[in-house]
């Protein structure tokens, strides 16, 4: 379902996912996703800011996120769903 989101301005009727608060937040989300990928996570969908005007970041799903990834320890404030496995309850 994450792949069904449409990036766009909040007042655009076709938009289902609006912009982040500012360019700094786009950079932060990009850093967190990059950190997870560098540690072994896989990008299932999304994962790259589209560029151009606006502070947009696509709906993103990360799988196999290692437990030491920053994205599991810091608040993301972006449309990213990190999925990590575990051995205990």
N, C-alpha and C. Protein backbone atom coordinates (compact mmCIF):
# COMPACT_ATOMS: atom_id res chain seq x y z
N UNK A 1 0.80 -1.20 0.00
CA UNK A 1 0.00 0.00 0.00
C UNK A 1 0.85 1.27 0.00
N UNK A 2 2.04 1.20 0.57
CA UNK A 2 2.89 2.39 0.60
C UNK A 2 3.19 2.88 -0.82
N UNK A 3 3.26 1.97 -1.76
CA UNK A 3 3.57 2.36 -3.14
C UNK A 3 2.41 3.12 -3.79
N UNK A 4 1.24 3.12 -3.17
CA UNK A 4 0.08 3.80 -3.74
C UNK A 4 0.00 5.28 -3.37
N UNK A 5 0.85 5.74 -2.45
CA UNK A 5 0.84 7.15 -2.08
C UNK A 5 1.31 8.00 -3.25
N UNK A 6 0.68 9.18 -3.40
CA UNK A 6 1.06 10.12 -4.45
C UNK A 6 1.59 11.39 -3.79
N UNK A 7 2.87 11.71 -4.06
CA UNK A 7 3.47 12.92 -3.51
C UNK A 7 2.84 14.14 -4.15
N UNK A 8 2.62 15.18 -3.35
CA UNK A 8 2.09 16.42 -3.91
C UNK A 8 1.76 17.43 -2.83
N UNK A 9 1.42 18.61 -3.28
CA UNK A 9 1.05 19.69 -2.36
C UNK A 9 -0.22 19.30 -1.61
N UNK A 10 -0.32 19.77 -0.39
CA UNK A 10 -1.44 19.42 0.46
C UNK A 10 -2.81 19.79 -0.08
N UNK A 11 -2.88 20.83 -0.89
CA UNK A 11 -4.17 21.26 -1.44
C UNK A 11 -4.52 20.59 -2.76
N UNK A 12 -3.60 19.81 -3.29
CA UNK A 12 -3.84 19.08 -4.54
C UNK A 12 -4.70 17.85 -4.21
N UNK A 13 -5.86 17.73 -4.84
CA UNK A 13 -6.78 16.63 -4.56
C UNK A 13 -6.19 15.26 -4.87
N UNK A 14 -5.24 15.18 -5.79
CA UNK A 14 -4.63 13.91 -6.17
C UNK A 14 -3.54 13.50 -5.19
N UNK A 15 -3.10 14.43 -4.38
CA UNK A 15 -2.01 14.17 -3.44
C UNK A 15 -2.51 13.37 -2.24
N UNK A 16 -1.74 12.33 -1.88
CA UNK A 16 -2.06 11.56 -0.68
C UNK A 16 -0.90 11.58 0.31
N UNK A 17 0.20 12.24 -0.07
CA UNK A 17 1.37 12.36 0.81
C UNK A 17 2.01 13.71 0.55
N UNK A 18 1.97 14.57 1.56
CA UNK A 18 2.49 15.92 1.41
C UNK A 18 3.98 16.02 1.72
N UNK A 19 4.48 17.25 1.73
CA UNK A 19 5.91 17.48 1.95
C UNK A 19 6.30 17.36 3.42
N UNK A 20 7.60 17.20 3.65
CA UNK A 20 8.14 17.27 5.00
C UNK A 20 8.22 18.74 5.40
N UNK A 21 8.56 19.01 6.66
CA UNK A 21 8.52 20.36 7.20
C UNK A 21 9.50 21.31 6.51
N UNK A 22 10.71 20.82 6.15
CA UNK A 22 11.70 21.67 5.50
C UNK A 22 12.78 20.81 4.85
N UNK A 23 13.70 21.47 4.13
CA UNK A 23 14.76 20.75 3.42
C UNK A 23 15.69 20.02 4.39
N UNK A 24 15.89 20.60 5.58
CA UNK A 24 16.74 19.94 6.57
C UNK A 24 16.16 18.58 6.95
N UNK A 25 14.84 18.49 7.06
CA UNK A 25 14.22 17.22 7.42
C UNK A 25 14.34 16.21 6.29
N UNK A 26 14.27 16.67 5.05
CA UNK A 26 14.50 15.76 3.92
C UNK A 26 15.91 15.19 4.01
N UNK A 27 16.89 16.04 4.33
CA UNK A 27 18.28 15.59 4.48
C UNK A 27 18.42 14.60 5.63
N UNK A 28 17.72 14.85 6.73
CA UNK A 28 17.78 13.95 7.89
C UNK A 28 17.20 12.58 7.55
N UNK A 29 16.05 12.55 6.91
CA UNK A 29 15.44 11.28 6.52
C UNK A 29 16.35 10.54 5.53
N UNK A 30 16.93 11.28 4.60
CA UNK A 30 17.86 10.68 3.64
C UNK A 30 19.05 10.05 4.36
N UNK A 31 19.59 10.75 5.35
CA UNK A 31 20.71 10.22 6.14
C UNK A 31 20.33 8.94 6.87
N UNK A 32 19.15 8.93 7.49
CA UNK A 32 18.71 7.76 8.25
C UNK A 32 18.51 6.55 7.34
N UNK A 33 17.93 6.77 6.18
CA UNK A 33 17.74 5.68 5.22
C UNK A 33 19.10 5.19 4.71
N UNK A 34 19.98 6.12 4.38
CA UNK A 34 21.32 5.74 3.89
C UNK A 34 22.10 4.96 4.93
N UNK A 35 21.99 5.37 6.19
CA UNK A 35 22.67 4.66 7.27
C UNK A 35 22.16 3.22 7.35
N UNK A 36 20.85 3.05 7.30
CA UNK A 36 20.27 1.70 7.38
C UNK A 36 20.74 0.83 6.22
N UNK A 37 20.74 1.40 5.02
CA UNK A 37 21.17 0.64 3.84
C UNK A 37 22.65 0.29 3.94
N UNK A 38 23.46 1.22 4.43
CA UNK A 38 24.90 0.94 4.55
C UNK A 38 25.18 -0.17 5.56
N UNK A 39 24.24 -0.40 6.47
CA UNK A 39 24.39 -1.45 7.48
C UNK A 39 23.74 -2.77 7.05
N UNK A 40 23.11 -2.78 5.87
CA UNK A 40 22.56 -4.03 5.36
C UNK A 40 21.08 -4.05 5.07
N UNK A 41 20.36 -2.97 5.36
CA UNK A 41 18.92 -2.93 5.06
C UNK A 41 18.70 -2.92 3.55
N UNK A 42 17.51 -3.34 3.15
CA UNK A 42 17.13 -3.34 1.75
C UNK A 42 15.97 -2.37 1.56
N UNK A 43 16.03 -1.56 0.51
CA UNK A 43 14.94 -0.65 0.18
C UNK A 43 13.93 -1.44 -0.65
N UNK A 44 12.74 -1.66 -0.09
CA UNK A 44 11.69 -2.37 -0.82
C UNK A 44 10.97 -1.44 -1.78
N UNK A 45 10.66 -0.23 -1.32
CA UNK A 45 10.09 0.82 -2.18
C UNK A 45 10.57 2.17 -1.68
N UNK A 46 10.57 3.14 -2.58
CA UNK A 46 10.97 4.50 -2.21
C UNK A 46 12.46 4.60 -1.97
N UNK A 47 12.80 5.41 -0.95
CA UNK A 47 14.19 5.50 -0.53
C UNK A 47 15.01 6.60 -1.14
N UNK A 48 14.46 7.34 -2.10
CA UNK A 48 15.22 8.42 -2.73
C UNK A 48 14.31 9.63 -2.89
N UNK A 49 14.76 10.77 -2.37
CA UNK A 49 14.00 12.01 -2.53
C UNK A 49 13.94 12.35 -4.02
N UNK A 50 12.79 12.81 -4.50
CA UNK A 50 12.64 13.05 -5.93
C UNK A 50 13.39 14.26 -6.47
N UNK A 51 13.86 15.14 -5.59
CA UNK A 51 14.50 16.36 -6.07
C UNK A 51 13.46 17.34 -6.58
N UNK A 52 13.91 18.43 -7.13
CA UNK A 52 12.98 19.43 -7.63
C UNK A 52 12.44 20.28 -6.50
N UNK A 53 11.47 21.12 -6.81
CA UNK A 53 10.92 22.01 -5.78
C UNK A 53 10.11 21.25 -4.74
N UNK A 54 10.09 21.77 -3.54
CA UNK A 54 9.32 21.15 -2.45
C UNK A 54 10.18 20.23 -1.62
N UNK A 55 9.70 19.95 -0.43
CA UNK A 55 10.43 19.12 0.53
C UNK A 55 9.82 17.73 0.60
N UNK A 56 9.82 17.06 -0.53
CA UNK A 56 9.14 15.78 -0.62
C UNK A 56 10.09 14.61 -0.38
N UNK A 57 9.55 13.56 0.23
CA UNK A 57 10.25 12.29 0.39
C UNK A 57 9.20 11.21 0.20
N UNK A 58 9.48 10.22 -0.65
CA UNK A 58 8.45 9.22 -0.95
C UNK A 58 8.21 8.25 0.20
N UNK A 59 7.05 7.66 0.21
CA UNK A 59 6.76 6.58 1.15
C UNK A 59 7.80 5.49 0.92
N UNK A 60 8.44 5.05 2.00
CA UNK A 60 9.58 4.15 1.90
C UNK A 60 9.42 2.98 2.85
N UNK A 61 9.74 1.79 2.37
CA UNK A 61 9.77 0.60 3.22
C UNK A 61 11.19 0.04 3.17
N UNK A 62 11.77 -0.16 4.35
CA UNK A 62 13.08 -0.79 4.48
C UNK A 62 12.88 -2.15 5.13
N UNK A 63 13.50 -3.18 4.59
CA UNK A 63 13.44 -4.51 5.19
C UNK A 63 14.82 -4.93 5.67
N UNK A 64 14.84 -5.92 6.54
CA UNK A 64 16.10 -6.44 7.08
C UNK A 64 16.95 -5.35 7.72
N UNK A 65 16.30 -4.43 8.41
CA UNK A 65 17.02 -3.33 9.05
C UNK A 65 17.76 -3.88 10.26
N UNK A 66 19.09 -3.69 10.32
CA UNK A 66 19.84 -4.19 11.47
C UNK A 66 19.52 -3.38 12.72
N UNK A 67 19.59 -4.04 13.86
CA UNK A 67 19.19 -3.40 15.11
C UNK A 67 20.08 -2.23 15.51
N UNK A 68 21.26 -2.11 14.91
CA UNK A 68 22.13 -0.98 15.24
C UNK A 68 21.92 0.22 14.32
N UNK A 69 20.97 0.14 13.40
CA UNK A 69 20.71 1.25 12.49
C UNK A 69 20.10 2.43 13.24
N UNK A 70 20.54 3.62 12.89
CA UNK A 70 20.04 4.84 13.54
C UNK A 70 18.53 5.00 13.40
N UNK A 71 17.98 4.52 12.28
CA UNK A 71 16.56 4.71 12.02
C UNK A 71 15.68 3.99 13.05
N UNK A 72 16.24 3.01 13.75
CA UNK A 72 15.51 2.31 14.80
C UNK A 72 15.70 2.97 16.16
N UNK A 73 16.60 3.94 16.24
CA UNK A 73 16.91 4.58 17.52
C UNK A 73 16.53 6.05 17.57
N UNK A 74 16.30 6.66 16.41
CA UNK A 74 15.98 8.08 16.34
C UNK A 74 14.59 8.25 15.71
N UNK A 75 13.92 9.34 16.07
CA UNK A 75 12.62 9.61 15.46
C UNK A 75 12.83 10.04 14.02
N UNK A 76 12.05 9.48 13.12
CA UNK A 76 12.26 9.70 11.70
C UNK A 76 11.56 10.97 11.21
N UNK A 77 10.34 11.22 11.63
CA UNK A 77 9.54 12.34 11.15
C UNK A 77 9.49 12.37 9.63
N UNK A 78 9.27 11.21 9.05
CA UNK A 78 9.14 11.08 7.61
C UNK A 78 8.43 9.77 7.30
N UNK A 79 8.01 9.59 6.05
CA UNK A 79 7.21 8.42 5.68
C UNK A 79 8.05 7.17 5.42
N UNK A 80 8.71 6.68 6.47
CA UNK A 80 9.58 5.52 6.33
C UNK A 80 9.12 4.44 7.32
N UNK A 81 8.95 3.22 6.81
CA UNK A 81 8.60 2.07 7.65
C UNK A 81 9.79 1.12 7.68
N UNK A 82 10.58 1.16 8.76
CA UNK A 82 11.70 0.23 8.87
C UNK A 82 11.23 -1.10 9.48
N UNK A 83 11.59 -2.20 8.85
CA UNK A 83 11.18 -3.52 9.33
C UNK A 83 12.44 -4.28 9.74
N UNK A 84 12.46 -4.70 11.00
CA UNK A 84 13.61 -5.42 11.54
C UNK A 84 13.15 -6.73 12.16
N UNK A 85 13.96 -7.74 12.03
CA UNK A 85 13.67 -9.02 12.67
C UNK A 85 14.25 -9.06 14.07
N UNK A 86 13.80 -10.04 14.85
CA UNK A 86 14.34 -10.21 16.20
C UNK A 86 14.22 -11.68 16.58
N UNK A 87 15.02 -12.07 17.56
CA UNK A 87 15.06 -13.47 17.99
C UNK A 87 14.28 -13.74 19.27
N UNK A 88 13.97 -12.69 20.03
CA UNK A 88 13.28 -12.87 21.30
C UNK A 88 12.00 -12.04 21.31
N UNK A 89 11.17 -12.28 22.31
CA UNK A 89 9.92 -11.51 22.41
C UNK A 89 10.10 -10.28 23.23
